[in-house]
Protein backbone atom coordinates (compact mmCIF):
# COMPACT_ATOMS: atom_id res chain seq x y z
CA UNK A 1 0.00 0.00 0.00
CA UNK A 2 1.25 3.48 -0.83
CA UNK A 3 1.16 6.76 1.05
CA UNK A 4 -2.19 8.57 1.27
CA UNK A 5 -2.36 12.27 2.15
CA UNK A 6 -5.69 13.98 2.85
CA UNK A 7 -5.02 17.72 3.11
CA UNK A 8 -7.05 20.94 3.17
CA UNK A 9 -7.95 22.14 -0.35
CA UNK A 10 -5.04 23.88 -2.15
CA UNK A 11 -2.56 22.86 0.57
CA UNK A 12 1.14 22.34 -0.20
CA UNK A 13 1.68 20.03 2.78
CA UNK A 14 3.35 16.67 2.11
CA UNK A 15 4.26 13.68 4.25
CA UNK A 16 5.97 10.34 3.58
CA UNK A 17 4.01 8.78 6.47
CA UNK A 18 0.59 9.95 5.25
CA UNK A 19 -1.62 12.73 6.57
CA UNK A 20 -5.33 13.08 7.41
CA UNK A 21 -6.70 16.60 7.82
CA UNK A 22 -9.86 16.98 9.93
CA UNK A 23 -9.93 20.80 10.15
CA UNK A 24 -11.81 21.59 6.90
CA UNK A 25 -14.62 20.16 4.78
CA UNK A 26 -12.93 20.72 1.39
CA UNK A 27 -10.09 18.24 0.82
CA UNK A 28 -7.37 17.34 -1.67
CA UNK A 29 -6.36 13.66 -1.72
CA UNK A 30 -2.92 12.61 -2.97
CA UNK A 31 -2.14 8.93 -3.41
CA UNK A 32 1.26 7.59 -4.47
CA UNK A 33 1.43 4.13 -6.03
CA UNK A 34 4.17 2.11 -7.67
CA UNK A 35 3.46 -0.04 -10.71
CA UNK A 36 5.71 -2.35 -12.67
CA UNK A 37 4.77 -3.66 -16.10
CA UNK A 38 6.41 -5.09 -19.18
CA UNK A 39 5.66 -4.59 -22.88
CA UNK A 40 5.83 -7.67 -25.09
C-alpha atoms as a PDB file:
ATOM      1  CA  UNK A   1       0.000   0.000   0.000  1.00  0.00           C
ATOM      2  CA  UNK A   2       1.252   3.480  -0.834  1.00  0.00           C
ATOM      3  CA  UNK A   3       1.155   6.755   1.047  1.00  0.00           C
ATOM      4  CA  UNK A   4      -2.188   8.566   1.269  1.00  0.00           C
ATOM      5  CA  UNK A   5      -2.357  12.272   2.154  1.00  0.00           C
ATOM      6  CA  UNK A   6      -5.691  13.978   2.848  1.00  0.00           C
ATOM      7  CA  UNK A   7      -5.020  17.720   3.112  1.00  0.00           C
ATOM      8  CA  UNK A   8      -7.052  20.939   3.171  1.00  0.00           C
ATOM      9  CA  UNK A   9      -7.946  22.138  -0.347  1.00  0.00           C
ATOM     10  CA  UNK A  10      -5.037  23.876  -2.148  1.00  0.00           C
ATOM     11  CA  UNK A  11      -2.560  22.859   0.568  1.00  0.00           C
ATOM     12  CA  UNK A  12       1.136  22.343  -0.201  1.00  0.00           C
ATOM     13  CA  UNK A  13       1.679  20.032   2.782  1.00  0.00           C
ATOM     14  CA  UNK A  14       3.351  16.670   2.108  1.00  0.00           C
ATOM     15  CA  UNK A  15       4.256  13.680   4.251  1.00  0.00           C
ATOM     16  CA  UNK A  16       5.973  10.336   3.580  1.00  0.00           C
ATOM     17  CA  UNK A  17       4.008   8.780   6.470  1.00  0.00           C
ATOM     18  CA  UNK A  18       0.588   9.954   5.255  1.00  0.00           C
ATOM     19  CA  UNK A  19      -1.620  12.731   6.566  1.00  0.00           C
ATOM     20  CA  UNK A  20      -5.327  13.076   7.408  1.00  0.00           C
ATOM     21  CA  UNK A  21      -6.701  16.602   7.815  1.00  0.00           C
ATOM     22  CA  UNK A  22      -9.856  16.982   9.927  1.00  0.00           C
ATOM     23  CA  UNK A  23      -9.929  20.805  10.152  1.00  0.00           C
ATOM     24  CA  UNK A  24     -11.809  21.592   6.901  1.00  0.00           C
ATOM     25  CA  UNK A  25     -14.621  20.162   4.779  1.00  0.00           C
ATOM     26  CA  UNK A  26     -12.925  20.719   1.394  1.00  0.00           C
ATOM     27  CA  UNK A  27     -10.091  18.242   0.818  1.00  0.00           C
ATOM     28  CA  UNK A  28      -7.374  17.336  -1.674  1.00  0.00           C
ATOM     29  CA  UNK A  29      -6.364  13.663  -1.724  1.00  0.00           C
ATOM     30  CA  UNK A  30      -2.918  12.610  -2.972  1.00  0.00           C
ATOM     31  CA  UNK A  31      -2.136   8.927  -3.415  1.00  0.00           C
ATOM     32  CA  UNK A  32       1.257   7.586  -4.471  1.00  0.00           C
ATOM     33  CA  UNK A  33       1.429   4.131  -6.028  1.00  0.00           C
ATOM     34  CA  UNK A  34       4.168   2.108  -7.671  1.00  0.00           C
ATOM     35  CA  UNK A  35       3.464  -0.043 -10.710  1.00  0.00           C
ATOM     36  CA  UNK A  36       5.714  -2.354 -12.672  1.00  0.00           C
ATOM     37  CA  UNK A  37       4.771  -3.656 -16.095  1.00  0.00           C
ATOM     38  CA  UNK A  38       6.414  -5.093 -19.182  1.00  0.00           C
ATOM     39  CA  UNK A  39       5.655  -4.586 -22.875  1.00  0.00           C
ATOM     40  CA  UNK A  40       5.834  -7.671 -25.090  1.00  0.00           C
END
